[in-house]
Amino acid sequence: MTTPDWQAAKALIDSATRIVAVTHIYPDGDAIGSLMATTLTLRALGKQVTPVVDGGTPPHLAFIPQSGGVASGLAPNFTADLVISLDASDTRRLGESGKAALALGTPVLMVDHHATNLLFGTVNLLNVVTPATCEVLVDWFDAMDWPIEKDAATALLTGIVTDTLAFRISQTTTDTLAKAQRLMLAGASLTAITQQTVNRRSTAAFRLWAKVMPTLQIENGAIWAVVDREAKQAAQYTEEGGAGGLAQLLNEADEAFVTGVFVERTNGDVEMHFRAQPGYNVGALALSLGGGGHILASGATVPGPLAEVVARVVPLLKEVAKAGTLFVA
């Protein structure tokens, strides 16, 4: 689905006074960017919008204007006329905040760009061609002739920069670059956003990588690494989501075409992060494991134990490597 019904979405907005906007757990730049761009733009139209995500805004994304106001959960007596889901392919990815929002029983407007999206909204604005949900929002705002002010422009450009890895992924188009230029003209700083996101990571992440690299293996076009709870504790790495971008780093290995990073959570669940070179599809693998994402970047979370999950999923990762063919322009 690449032709979203903008007018149906507008009808939901027009009929709503109180709106709750929610995004996926362990939010990245596109998640908080789309959350805040939607919040700020709709507030400018006179709507009462409450942005929420489990845990609130991560510290490394706190530079996004007004993101300090993102709630970490909904109050027990919270009410709303409309739920807007942003950058999540399914309802499970919305966490406890999303569960509470969906329990309100109001219409749901879903805005996303993931190919594995389950179309769970009353109205769905899905465009799997665009590399970021923030780019879908730019199209929507343009279709509605809604102005994009400086703070919203910064949020939108953050989502585009982070999900394209600074315009380096294959889904980046001339249209993507044109939108980025417009957002810069609206006041968003590409330099500041890139420096705060793509060019920086926590020192604890480097310590974690040092602990994890001995687990690195490469076989039959697949590369993978294992992050257990002991490694995170030894590195003083406290983030629950991901491993500091390790999957993206390993995806640069010249002997491999698909990447898997297996991260043991505090509760014993195993969080899997998959990456692939163009011509390979890890999105289908993630979907088969109950997760989702993109063809080249996806993930899933399953119950442990860690060793059993690695033993079960690595052969599937190798099958993905066997089935693909490296794309060369």
C-alpha atoms as a PDB file:
ATOM      1  CA  MET A   1       0.000   0.000   0.000  1.00  0.00           C
ATOM      2  CA  THR A   2       1.719   3.179  -1.201  1.00  0.00           C
ATOM      3  CA  THR A   3      -1.280   5.485  -1.749  1.00  0.00           C
ATOM      4  CA  PRO A   4      -2.437   6.507   1.747  1.00  0.00           C
ATOM      5  CA  ASP A   5      -5.906   8.002   2.133  1.00  0.00           C
ATOM      6  CA  TRP A   6      -4.985  11.469   3.397  1.00  0.00           C
ATOM      7  CA  GLN A   7      -8.593  12.667   3.455  1.00  0.00           C
ATOM      8  CA  ALA A   8      -9.767   9.752   5.596  1.00  0.00           C
ATOM      9  CA  ALA A   9      -6.998  10.591   8.033  1.00  0.00           C
ATOM     10  CA  LYS A  10      -8.041  14.250   8.017  1.00  0.00           C
ATOM     11  CA  ALA A  11     -11.608  13.242   8.829  1.00  0.00           C
ATOM     12  CA  LEU A  12     -10.383  11.450  11.953  1.00  0.00           C
ATOM     13  CA  ILE A  13      -8.338  14.497  12.958  1.00  0.00           C
ATOM     14  CA  ASP A  14     -11.237  16.885  12.337  1.00  0.00           C
ATOM     15  CA  SER A  15     -13.573  14.833  14.532  1.00  0.00           C
ATOM     16  CA  ALA A  16     -11.135  14.601  17.438  1.00  0.00           C
ATOM     17  CA  THR A  17     -10.366  17.112  20.192  1.00  0.00           C
ATOM     18  CA  ARG A  18      -8.140  15.061  22.508  1.00  0.00           C
ATOM     19  CA  ILE A  19      -5.534  12.903  20.803  1.00  0.00           C
ATOM     20  CA  VAL A  20      -2.936  10.489  22.190  1.00  0.00           C
ATOM     21  CA  ALA A  21       0.083   9.854  19.963  1.00  0.00           C
ATOM     22  CA  VAL A  22       2.176   6.755  20.669  1.00  0.00           C
ATOM     23  CA  THR A  23       5.237   5.124  19.143  1.00  0.00           C
ATOM     24  CA  HIS A  24       7.216   1.914  19.515  1.00  0.00           C
ATOM     25  CA  ILE A  25       9.201   0.700  22.495  1.00  0.00           C
ATOM     26  CA  TYR A  26      12.932   1.486  22.632  1.00  0.00           C
ATOM     27  CA  PRO A  27      12.273   4.464  20.350  1.00  0.00           C
ATOM     28  CA  ASP A  28      14.795   5.569  17.744  1.00  0.00           C
ATOM     29  CA  GLY A  29      15.096   8.888  15.912  1.00  0.00           C
ATOM     30  CA  ASP A  30      12.234   8.162  13.529  1.00  0.00           C
ATOM     31  CA  ALA A  31       9.990   7.155  16.432  1.00  0.00           C
ATOM     32  CA  ILE A  32      10.531  10.255  18.582  1.00  0.00           C
ATOM     33  CA  GLY A  33      10.843  12.439  15.472  1.00  0.00           C
ATOM     34  CA  SER A  34       7.478  11.339  14.099  1.00  0.00           C
ATOM     35  CA  LEU A  35       5.908  11.480  17.571  1.00  0.00           C
ATOM     36  CA  MET A  36       6.963  15.080  18.140  1.00  0.00           C
ATOM     37  CA  ALA A  37       6.340  16.281  14.580  1.00  0.00           C
ATOM     38  CA  THR A  38       2.774  14.979  14.794  1.00  0.00           C
ATOM     39  CA  THR A  39       2.274  16.434  18.258  1.00  0.00           C
ATOM     40  CA  LEU A  40       3.593  19.897  17.401  1.00  0.00           C
ATOM     41  CA  THR A  41       1.801  20.139  14.053  1.00  0.00           C
ATOM     42  CA  LEU A  42      -1.574  19.080  15.432  1.00  0.00           C
ATOM     43  CA  ARG A  43      -1.223  21.321  18.476  1.00  0.00           C
ATOM     44  CA  ALA A  44      -0.707  24.237  16.079  1.00  0.00           C
ATOM     45  CA  LEU A  45      -4.091  23.295  14.604  1.00  0.00           C
ATOM     46  CA  GLY A  46      -5.727  23.607  18.029  1.00  0.00           C
ATOM     47  CA  LYS A  47      -5.755  19.923  19.000  1.00  0.00           C
ATOM     48  CA  GLN A  48      -4.928  18.652  22.492  1.00  0.00           C
ATOM     49  CA  VAL A  49      -2.209  16.063  21.869  1.00  0.00           C
ATOM     50  CA  THR A  50      -0.495  13.859  24.447  1.00  0.00           C
ATOM     51  CA  PRO A  51       2.669  12.124  23.167  1.00  0.00           C
ATOM     52  CA  VAL A  52       3.601   8.933  25.003  1.00  0.00           C
ATOM     53  CA  VAL A  53       6.055   6.037  24.790  1.00  0.00           C
ATOM     54  CA  ASP A  54       7.261   3.541  27.371  1.00  0.00           C
ATOM     55  CA  GLY A  55      10.139   5.134  29.270  1.00  0.00           C
ATOM     56  CA  GLY A  56       9.711   8.555  27.663  1.00  0.00           C
ATOM     57  CA  THR A  57      12.289  10.154  25.376  1.00  0.00           C
ATOM     58  CA  PRO A  58      15.735   8.481  25.481  1.00  0.00           C
ATOM     59  CA  PRO A  59      18.516  10.848  26.643  1.00  0.00           C
ATOM     60  CA  HIS A  60      20.311  10.805  23.275  1.00  0.00           C
ATOM     61  CA  LEU A  61      17.181  12.127  21.552  1.00  0.00           C
ATOM     62  CA  ALA A  62      16.360  14.799  24.123  1.00  0.00           C
ATOM     63  CA  PHE A  63      17.675  17.456  21.721  1.00  0.00           C
ATOM     64  CA  ILE A  64      14.477  17.100  19.657  1.00  0.00           C
ATOM     65  CA  PRO A  65      12.441  20.224  20.507  1.00  0.00           C
ATOM     66  CA  GLN A  66       9.873  19.791  23.293  1.00  0.00           C
ATOM     67  CA  SER A  67      10.508  16.031  23.503  1.00  0.00           C
ATOM     68  CA  GLY A  68      10.980  16.404  27.243  1.00  0.00           C
ATOM     69  CA  GLY A  69       7.191  16.546  27.423  1.00  0.00           C
ATOM     70  CA  VAL A  70       6.742  12.996  26.148  1.00  0.00           C
ATOM     71  CA  ALA A  71       4.935  10.968  28.801  1.00  0.00           C
ATOM     72  CA  SER A  72       6.280   7.577  29.868  1.00  0.00           C
ATOM     73  CA  GLY A  73       2.789   6.180  30.372  1.00  0.00           C
ATOM     74  CA  LEU A  74      -0.888   7.121  30.510  1.00  0.00           C
ATOM     75  CA  ALA A  75      -2.691   8.088  33.697  1.00  0.00           C
ATOM     76  CA  PRO A  76      -5.391   5.608  34.825  1.00  0.00           C
ATOM     77  CA  ASN A  77      -8.266   7.990  34.043  1.00  0.00           C
ATOM     78  CA  PHE A  78      -6.861   9.288  30.757  1.00  0.00           C
ATOM     79  CA  THR A  79      -9.369   9.858  27.938  1.00  0.00           C
ATOM     80  CA  ALA A  80      -8.997  10.663  24.243  1.00  0.00           C
ATOM     81  CA  ASP A  81     -11.011  10.795  21.031  1.00  0.00           C
ATOM     82  CA  LEU A  82      -8.298   9.396  18.766  1.00  0.00           C
ATOM     83  CA  VAL A  83      -5.128   7.306  18.962  1.00  0.00           C
ATOM     84  CA  ILE A  84      -2.317   7.955  16.482  1.00  0.00           C
ATOM     85  CA  SER A  85       0.233   5.158  16.179  1.00  0.00           C
ATOM     86  CA  LEU A  86       3.575   6.162  14.675  1.00  0.00           C
ATOM     87  CA  ASP A  87       6.432   4.070  13.253  1.00  0.00           C
ATOM     88  CA  ALA A  88       5.147   0.740  14.621  1.00  0.00           C
ATOM     89  CA  SER A  89       4.394  -2.256  12.412  1.00  0.00           C
ATOM     90  CA  ASP A  90       2.111  -3.985  14.930  1.00  0.00           C
ATOM     91  CA  THR A  91       0.384  -3.276  18.225  1.00  0.00           C
ATOM     92  CA  ARG A  92       2.812  -5.325  20.313  1.00  0.00           C
ATOM     93  CA  ARG A  93       5.592  -2.896  19.365  1.00  0.00           C
ATOM     94  CA  LEU A  94       3.632  -0.118  21.097  1.00  0.00           C
ATOM     95  CA  GLY A  95       4.346  -1.580  24.531  1.00  0.00           C
ATOM     96  CA  GLU A  96       2.345  -0.861  27.659  1.00  0.00           C
ATOM     97  CA  SER A  97       1.620   2.735  26.629  1.00  0.00           C
ATOM     98  CA  GLY A  98       0.171   1.551  23.344  1.00  0.00           C
ATOM     99  CA  LYS A  99      -1.811  -1.163  25.094  1.00  0.00           C
ATOM    100  CA  ALA A 100      -3.373   1.441  27.377  1.00  0.00           C
ATOM    101  CA  ALA A 101      -4.069   3.794  24.473  1.00  0.00           C
ATOM    102  CA  LEU A 102      -5.704   1.092  22.345  1.00  0.00           C
ATOM    103  CA  ALA A 103      -7.817   0.035  25.346  1.00  0.00           C
ATOM    104  CA  LEU A 104      -9.541   3.441  25.167  1.00  0.00           C
ATOM    105  CA  GLY A 105     -11.620   2.027  22.321  1.00  0.00           C
ATOM    106  CA  THR A 106     -11.245   5.086  20.108  1.00  0.00           C
ATOM    107  CA  PRO A 107     -10.466   5.096  16.367  1.00  0.00           C
ATOM    108  CA  VAL A 108      -6.813   4.493  15.492  1.00  0.00           C
ATOM    109  CA  LEU A 109      -4.849   6.359  12.851  1.00  0.00           C
ATOM    110  CA  MET A 110      -1.749   4.327  11.942  1.00  0.00           C
ATOM    111  CA  VAL A 111       1.214   6.040  10.239  1.00  0.00           C
ATOM    112  CA  ASP A 112       4.165   3.862   9.233  1.00  0.00           C
ATOM    113  CA  HIS A 113       6.611   2.774   6.530  1.00  0.00           C
ATOM    114  CA  HIS A 114       7.520  -0.816   7.503  1.00  0.00           C
ATOM    115  CA  ALA A 115       6.909  -3.514   4.887  1.00  0.00           C
ATOM    116  CA  THR A 116       5.778  -5.946   7.609  1.00  0.00           C
ATOM    117  CA  ASN A 117       3.022  -3.632   8.884  1.00  0.00           C
ATOM    118  CA  LEU A 118      -0.187  -5.447   9.868  1.00  0.00           C
ATOM    119  CA  LEU A 119      -2.564  -2.561   8.981  1.00  0.00           C
ATOM    120  CA  PHE A 120      -4.154  -2.425  12.415  1.00  0.00           C
ATOM    121  CA  GLY A 121      -5.538   1.106  12.194  1.00  0.00           C
ATOM    122  CA  THR A 122      -9.049   2.348  11.542  1.00  0.00           C
ATOM    123  CA  VAL A 123      -7.261   4.402   8.878  1.00  0.00           C
ATOM    124  CA  ASN A 124      -3.778   3.414   7.729  1.00  0.00           C
ATOM    125  CA  LEU A 125      -1.219   5.810   6.271  1.00  0.00           C
ATOM    126  CA  LEU A 126       1.351   3.269   5.122  1.00  0.00           C
ATOM    127  CA  ASN A 127       3.998   3.892   2.499  1.00  0.00           C
ATOM    128  CA  VAL A 128       6.611   1.136   2.386  1.00  0.00           C
ATOM    129  CA  VAL A 129       8.626   2.925  -0.307  1.00  0.00           C
ATOM    130  CA  THR A 130       9.692   5.790   1.948  1.00  0.00           C
ATOM    131  CA  PRO A 131      12.704   5.148   4.218  1.00  0.00           C
ATOM    132  CA  ALA A 132      11.189   6.843   7.286  1.00  0.00           C
ATOM    133  CA  THR A 133       7.821   7.448   8.898  1.00  0.00           C
ATOM    134  CA  CYS A 134       8.837  11.109   9.114  1.00  0.00           C
ATOM    135  CA  GLU A 135       8.861  11.219   5.316  1.00  0.00           C
ATOM    136  CA  VAL A 136       5.302   9.841   5.269  1.00  0.00           C
ATOM    137  CA  LEU A 137       4.359  12.673   7.625  1.00  0.00           C
ATOM    138  CA  VAL A 138       5.860  15.297   5.318  1.00  0.00           C
ATOM    139  CA  ASP A 139       3.689  13.937   2.500  1.00  0.00           C
ATOM    140  CA  TRP A 140       0.622  13.987   4.756  1.00  0.00           C
ATOM    141  CA  PHE A 141       1.229  17.510   6.020  1.00  0.00           C
ATOM    142  CA  ASP A 142       1.757  18.691   2.440  1.00  0.00           C
ATOM    143  CA  ALA A 143      -1.462  17.022   1.292  1.00  0.00           C
ATOM    144  CA  MET A 144      -3.331  18.832   4.066  1.00  0.00           C
ATOM    145  CA  ASP A 145      -1.503  22.116   3.406  1.00  0.00           C
ATOM    146  CA  TRP A 146      -0.402  22.186   7.043  1.00  0.00           C
ATOM    147  CA  PRO A 147       2.673  24.363   7.660  1.00  0.00           C
ATOM    148  CA  ILE A 148       5.848  22.782   9.067  1.00  0.00           C
ATOM    149  CA  GLU A 149       7.404  25.065  11.658  1.00  0.00           C
ATOM    150  CA  LYS A 150      11.042  24.956  12.785  1.00  0.00           C
ATOM    151  CA  ASP A 151      10.620  22.619  15.770  1.00  0.00           C
ATOM    152  CA  ALA A 152       8.534  20.152  13.757  1.00  0.00           C
ATOM    153  CA  ALA A 153      11.048  20.390  10.910  1.00  0.00           C
ATOM    154  CA  THR A 154      13.856  19.418  13.301  1.00  0.00           C
ATOM    155  CA  ALA A 155      11.862  16.416  14.512  1.00  0.00           C
ATOM    156  CA  LEU A 156      11.086  15.336  10.939  1.00  0.00           C
ATOM    157  CA  LEU A 157      14.652  15.700   9.709  1.00  0.00           C
ATOM    158  CA  THR A 158      15.885  13.704  12.718  1.00  0.00           C
ATOM    159  CA  GLY A 159      13.698  10.788  11.683  1.00  0.00           C
ATOM    160  CA  ILE A 160      14.842  10.938   8.074  1.00  0.00           C
ATOM    161  CA  VAL A 161      18.545  11.264   8.934  1.00  0.00           C
ATOM    162  CA  THR A 162      18.547   8.396  11.435  1.00  0.00           C
ATOM    163  CA  ASP A 163      16.474   5.938   9.401  1.00  0.00           C
ATOM    164  CA  THR A 164      18.519   6.564   6.248  1.00  0.00           C
ATOM    165  CA  LEU A 165      21.843   6.455   8.140  1.00  0.00           C
ATOM    166  CA  ALA A 166      22.515   9.974   6.889  1.00  0.00           C
ATOM    167  CA  PHE A 167      21.107   9.274   3.404  1.00  0.00           C
ATOM    168  CA  ARG A 168      23.193   6.136   2.790  1.00  0.00           C
ATOM    169  CA  ILE A 169      20.602   3.345   2.544  1.00  0.00           C
ATOM    170  CA  SER A 170      19.196   2.076  -0.751  1.00  0.00           C
ATOM    171  CA  GLN A 171      15.695   3.457  -0.109  1.00  0.00           C
ATOM    172  CA  THR A 172      16.998   7.045  -0.128  1.00  0.00           C
ATOM    173  CA  THR A 173      15.618   8.820  -3.192  1.00  0.00           C
ATOM    174  CA  THR A 174      15.860  12.242  -4.766  1.00  0.00           C
ATOM    175  CA  ASP A 175      12.462  12.913  -3.187  1.00  0.00           C
ATOM    176  CA  THR A 176      13.928  12.090   0.234  1.00  0.00           C
ATOM    177  CA  LEU A 177      16.766  14.538  -0.356  1.00  0.00           C
ATOM    178  CA  ALA A 178      14.333  17.206  -1.556  1.00  0.00           C
ATOM    179  CA  LYS A 179      12.281  16.836   1.631  1.00  0.00           C
ATOM    180  CA  ALA A 180      15.443  17.123   3.715  1.00  0.00           C
ATOM    181  CA  GLN A 181      16.348  20.338   1.916  1.00  0.00           C
ATOM    182  CA  ARG A 182      12.894  21.772   2.606  1.00  0.00           C
ATOM    183  CA  LEU A 183      13.177  20.919   6.294  1.00  0.00           C
ATOM    184  CA  MET A 184      16.576  22.597   6.434  1.00  0.00           C
ATOM    185  CA  LEU A 185      15.076  25.690   4.822  1.00  0.00           C
ATOM    186  CA  ALA A 186      12.422  25.581   7.568  1.00  0.00           C
ATOM    187  CA  GLY A 187      15.173  25.854  10.167  1.00  0.00           C
ATOM    188  CA  ALA A 188      16.296  22.292  10.919  1.00  0.00           C
ATOM    189  CA  SER A 189      20.077  21.875  11.236  1.00  0.00           C
ATOM    190  CA  LEU A 190      21.418  18.855   9.362  1.00  0.00           C
ATOM    191  CA  THR A 191      24.823  19.290  11.004  1.00  0.00           C
ATOM    192  CA  ALA A 192      23.442  19.347  14.542  1.00  0.00           C
ATOM    193  CA  ILE A 193      21.131  16.390  13.948  1.00  0.00           C
ATOM    194  CA  THR A 194      23.852  14.266  12.365  1.00  0.00           C
ATOM    195  CA  GLN A 195      26.279  15.105  15.165  1.00  0.00           C
ATOM    196  CA  GLN A 196      23.725  14.204  17.843  1.00  0.00           C
ATOM    197  CA  THR A 197      22.721  10.892  16.225  1.00  0.00           C
ATOM    198  CA  VAL A 198      24.727   9.199  13.475  1.00  0.00           C
ATOM    199  CA  ASN A 199      28.098  10.534  14.633  1.00  0.00           C
ATOM    200  CA  ARG A 200      27.764   9.781  18.371  1.00  0.00           C
ATOM    201  CA  ARG A 201      27.190   6.792  20.637  1.00  0.00           C
ATOM    202  CA  SER A 202      27.661   6.042  24.330  1.00  0.00           C
ATOM    203  CA  THR A 203      31.053   5.082  25.732  1.00  0.00           C
ATOM    204  CA  ALA A 204      29.330   2.110  27.369  1.00  0.00           C
ATOM    205  CA  ALA A 205      28.473   0.828  23.898  1.00  0.00           C
ATOM    206  CA  PHE A 206      32.157   0.642  23.015  1.00  0.00           C
ATOM    207  CA  ARG A 207      32.871  -1.212  26.253  1.00  0.00           C
ATOM    208  CA  LEU A 208      30.059  -3.629  25.408  1.00  0.00           C
ATOM    209  CA  TRP A 209      31.427  -4.240  21.917  1.00  0.00           C
ATOM    210  CA  ALA A 210      34.839  -5.085  23.414  1.00  0.00           C
ATOM    211  CA  LYS A 211      33.178  -7.723  25.612  1.00  0.00           C
ATOM    212  CA  VAL A 212      31.058  -9.124  22.783  1.00  0.00           C
ATOM    213  CA  MET A 213      33.502  -9.293  19.867  1.00  0.00           C
ATOM    214  CA  PRO A 214      34.977 -12.660  20.995  1.00  0.00           C
ATOM    215  CA  THR A 215      31.546 -14.207  20.275  1.00  0.00           C
ATOM    216  CA  LEU A 216      31.684 -13.031  16.648  1.00  0.00           C
ATOM    217  CA  GLN A 217      31.237 -15.750  14.015  1.00  0.00           C
ATOM    218  CA  ILE A 218      31.026 -15.710  10.217  1.00  0.00           C
ATOM    219  CA  GLU A 219      29.772 -18.703   8.237  1.00  0.00           C
ATOM    220  CA  ASN A 220      28.140 -19.120   4.825  1.00  0.00           C
ATOM    221  CA  GLY A 221      27.573 -15.413   4.254  1.00  0.00           C
ATOM    222  CA  ALA A 222      26.115 -14.777   7.732  1.00  0.00           C
ATOM    223  CA  ILE A 223      27.748 -12.909  10.605  1.00  0.00           C
ATOM    224  CA  TRP A 224      26.428 -12.909  14.151  1.00  0.00           C
ATOM    225  CA  ALA A 225      27.324 -11.997  17.716  1.00  0.00           C
ATOM    226  CA  VAL A 226      25.815 -12.763  21.134  1.00  0.00           C
ATOM    227  CA  VAL A 227      25.252 -10.240  23.928  1.00  0.00           C
ATOM    228  CA  ASP A 228      24.434 -11.866  27.263  1.00  0.00           C
ATOM    229  CA  ARG A 229      23.473 -10.174  30.502  1.00  0.00           C
ATOM    230  CA  GLU A 230      26.929 -10.691  31.975  1.00  0.00           C
ATOM    231  CA  ALA A 231      28.550  -8.747  29.125  1.00  0.00           C
ATOM    232  CA  LYS A 232      26.154  -5.845  29.608  1.00  0.00           C
ATOM    233  CA  GLN A 233      26.811  -5.779  33.343  1.00  0.00           C
ATOM    234  CA  ALA A 234      30.585  -5.887  32.869  1.00  0.00           C
ATOM    235  CA  ALA A 235      30.395  -3.023  30.363  1.00  0.00           C
ATOM    236  CA  GLN A 236      28.000  -1.040  32.568  1.00  0.00           C
ATOM    237  CA  TYR A 237      25.637  -0.943  29.610  1.00  0.00           C
ATOM    238  CA  THR A 238      22.185  -0.157  30.980  1.00  0.00           C
ATOM    239  CA  GLU A 239      20.084   0.305  27.832  1.00  0.00           C
ATOM    240  CA  GLU A 240      17.501  -2.453  27.383  1.00  0.00           C
ATOM    241  CA  GLY A 241      16.954  -1.975  23.653  1.00  0.00           C
ATOM    242  CA  GLY A 242      19.695  -3.027  21.239  1.00  0.00           C
ATOM    243  CA  ALA A 243      23.454  -3.182  21.650  1.00  0.00           C
ATOM    244  CA  GLY A 244      24.560   0.329  20.771  1.00  0.00           C
ATOM    245  CA  GLY A 245      24.225  -0.156  17.015  1.00  0.00           C
ATOM    246  CA  LEU A 246      26.318  -3.330  16.852  1.00  0.00           C
ATOM    247  CA  ALA A 247      24.163  -4.927  14.151  1.00  0.00           C
ATOM    248  CA  GLN A 248      24.753  -2.009  11.806  1.00  0.00           C
ATOM    249  CA  LEU A 249      28.487  -2.135  12.492  1.00  0.00           C
ATOM    250  CA  LEU A 250      28.732  -5.856  11.739  1.00  0.00           C
ATOM    251  CA  ASN A 251      26.714  -5.362   8.565  1.00  0.00           C
ATOM    252  CA  GLU A 252      29.774  -3.633   7.119  1.00  0.00           C
ATOM    253  CA  ALA A 253      31.811  -6.872   7.158  1.00  0.00           C
ATOM    254  CA  ASP A 254      32.940  -7.659   3.610  1.00  0.00           C
ATOM    255  CA  GLU A 255      32.628 -11.445   4.025  1.00  0.00           C
ATOM    256  CA  ALA A 256      28.971 -11.431   5.062  1.00  0.00           C
ATOM    257  CA  PHE A 257      25.634 -10.487   3.526  1.00  0.00           C
ATOM    258  CA  VAL A 258      23.280 -10.848   6.500  1.00  0.00           C
ATOM    259  CA  THR A 259      23.812  -9.954  10.148  1.00  0.00           C
ATOM    260  CA  GLY A 260      22.289 -11.082  13.417  1.00  0.00           C
ATOM    261  CA  VAL A 261      22.882  -9.756  16.929  1.00  0.00           C
ATOM    262  CA  PHE A 262      21.274 -11.652  19.806  1.00  0.00           C
ATOM    263  CA  VAL A 263      20.762  -9.610  22.972  1.00  0.00           C
ATOM    264  CA  GLU A 264      19.664 -11.156  26.260  1.00  0.00           C
ATOM    265  CA  ARG A 265      17.275  -8.904  28.162  1.00  0.00           C
ATOM    266  CA  THR A 266      17.046  -8.609  31.918  1.00  0.00           C
ATOM    267  CA  ASN A 267      13.895 -10.773  31.959  1.00  0.00           C
ATOM    268  CA  GLY A 268      15.560 -13.546  29.937  1.00  0.00           C
ATOM    269  CA  ASP A 269      13.900 -12.751  26.611  1.00  0.00           C
ATOM    270  CA  VAL A 270      16.152 -12.551  23.561  1.00  0.00           C
ATOM    271  CA  GLU A 271      16.063  -9.481  21.371  1.00  0.00           C
ATOM    272  CA  MET A 272      17.288 -10.128  17.813  1.00  0.00           C
ATOM    273  CA  HIS A 273      18.540  -7.442  15.449  1.00  0.00           C
ATOM    274  CA  PHE A 274      18.940  -8.326  11.767  1.00  0.00           C
ATOM    275  CA  ARG A 275      20.624  -6.391   8.975  1.00  0.00           C
ATOM    276  CA  ALA A 276      21.297  -7.269   5.336  1.00  0.00           C
ATOM    277  CA  GLN A 277      23.017  -6.076   2.221  1.00  0.00           C
ATOM    278  CA  PRO A 278      20.807  -5.077  -0.772  1.00  0.00           C
ATOM    279  CA  GLY A 279      19.574  -8.251  -2.455  1.00  0.00           C
ATOM    280  CA  TYR A 280      18.873 -10.082   0.816  1.00  0.00           C
ATOM    281  CA  ASN A 281      15.693 -10.116   2.896  1.00  0.00           C
ATOM    282  CA  VAL A 282      15.819 -10.265   6.697  1.00  0.00           C
ATOM    283  CA  GLY A 283      12.345  -8.719   7.000  1.00  0.00           C
ATOM    284  CA  ALA A 284      10.650 -12.029   6.212  1.00  0.00           C
ATOM    285  CA  LEU A 285      12.852 -13.778   8.787  1.00  0.00           C
ATOM    286  CA  ALA A 286      11.858 -11.304  11.494  1.00  0.00           C
ATOM    287  CA  LEU A 287       8.175 -11.631  10.589  1.00  0.00           C
ATOM    288  CA  SER A 288       8.375 -15.431  10.850  1.00  0.00           C
ATOM    289  CA  LEU A 289       9.744 -15.013  14.374  1.00  0.00           C
ATOM    290  CA  GLY A 290       6.921 -12.717  15.459  1.00  0.00           C
ATOM    291  CA  GLY A 291       8.754  -9.470  14.756  1.00  0.00           C
ATOM    292  CA  GLY A 292       8.937  -7.143  11.785  1.00  0.00           C
ATOM    293  CA  GLY A 293      10.707  -4.272  10.126  1.00  0.00           C
ATOM    294  CA  HIS A 294      12.254  -3.725   6.715  1.00  0.00           C
ATOM    295  CA  ILE A 295      13.767  -5.969   4.072  1.00  0.00           C
ATOM    296  CA  LEU A 296      17.267  -4.823   5.041  1.00  0.00           C
ATOM    297  CA  ALA A 297      16.745  -4.028   8.738  1.00  0.00           C
ATOM    298  CA  SER A 298      14.407  -5.871  11.076  1.00  0.00           C
ATOM    299  CA  GLY A 299      14.121  -7.545  14.446  1.00  0.00           C
ATOM    300  CA  ALA A 300      12.124  -9.722  16.797  1.00  0.00           C
ATOM    301  CA  THR A 301      11.961 -10.646  20.478  1.00  0.00           C
ATOM    302  CA  VAL A 302      11.349 -14.208  21.667  1.00  0.00           C
ATOM    303  CA  PRO A 303      11.542 -16.045  25.003  1.00  0.00           C
ATOM    304  CA  GLY A 304      14.967 -17.438  25.988  1.00  0.00           C
ATOM    305  CA  PRO A 305      17.153 -19.217  26.879  1.00  0.00           C
ATOM    306  CA  LEU A 306      19.717 -17.312  24.853  1.00  0.00           C
ATOM    307  CA  ALA A 307      21.762 -20.334  23.711  1.00  0.00           C
ATOM    308  CA  GLU A 308      18.669 -22.137  22.425  1.00  0.00           C
ATOM    309  CA  VAL A 309      17.501 -19.099  20.467  1.00  0.00           C
ATOM    310  CA  VAL A 310      20.920 -18.656  18.850  1.00  0.00           C
ATOM    311  CA  ALA A 311      21.052 -22.331  17.915  1.00  0.00           C
ATOM    312  CA  ARG A 312      17.587 -22.149  16.356  1.00  0.00           C
ATOM    313  CA  VAL A 313      17.863 -18.847  14.495  1.00  0.00           C
ATOM    314  CA  VAL A 314      21.426 -18.877  13.125  1.00  0.00           C
ATOM    315  CA  PRO A 315      20.579 -21.650  10.602  1.00  0.00           C
ATOM    316  CA  LEU A 316      17.639 -19.515   9.432  1.00  0.00           C
ATOM    317  CA  LEU A 317      19.994 -16.559   9.036  1.00  0.00           C
ATOM    318  CA  LYS A 318      22.271 -18.703   6.884  1.00  0.00           C
ATOM    319  CA  GLU A 319      19.298 -19.686   4.732  1.00  0.00           C
ATOM    320  CA  VAL A 320      18.585 -16.015   4.104  1.00  0.00           C
ATOM    321  CA  ALA A 321      22.191 -15.552   3.009  1.00  0.00           C
ATOM    322  CA  LYS A 322      21.934 -18.575   0.702  1.00  0.00           C
ATOM    323  CA  ALA A 323      18.687 -17.356  -0.885  1.00  0.00           C
ATOM    324  CA  GLY A 324      19.835 -13.831  -1.767  1.00  0.00           C
ATOM    325  CA  THR A 325      22.037 -12.284  -4.419  1.00  0.00           C
ATOM    326  CA  LEU A 326      24.032  -9.146  -3.773  1.00  0.00           C
ATOM    327  CA  PHE A 327      22.556  -6.209  -5.681  1.00  0.00           C
ATOM    328  CA  VAL A 328      25.034  -4.298  -7.800  1.00  0.00           C
ATOM    329  CA  ALA A 329      23.817  -1.157  -9.584  1.00  0.00           C
END
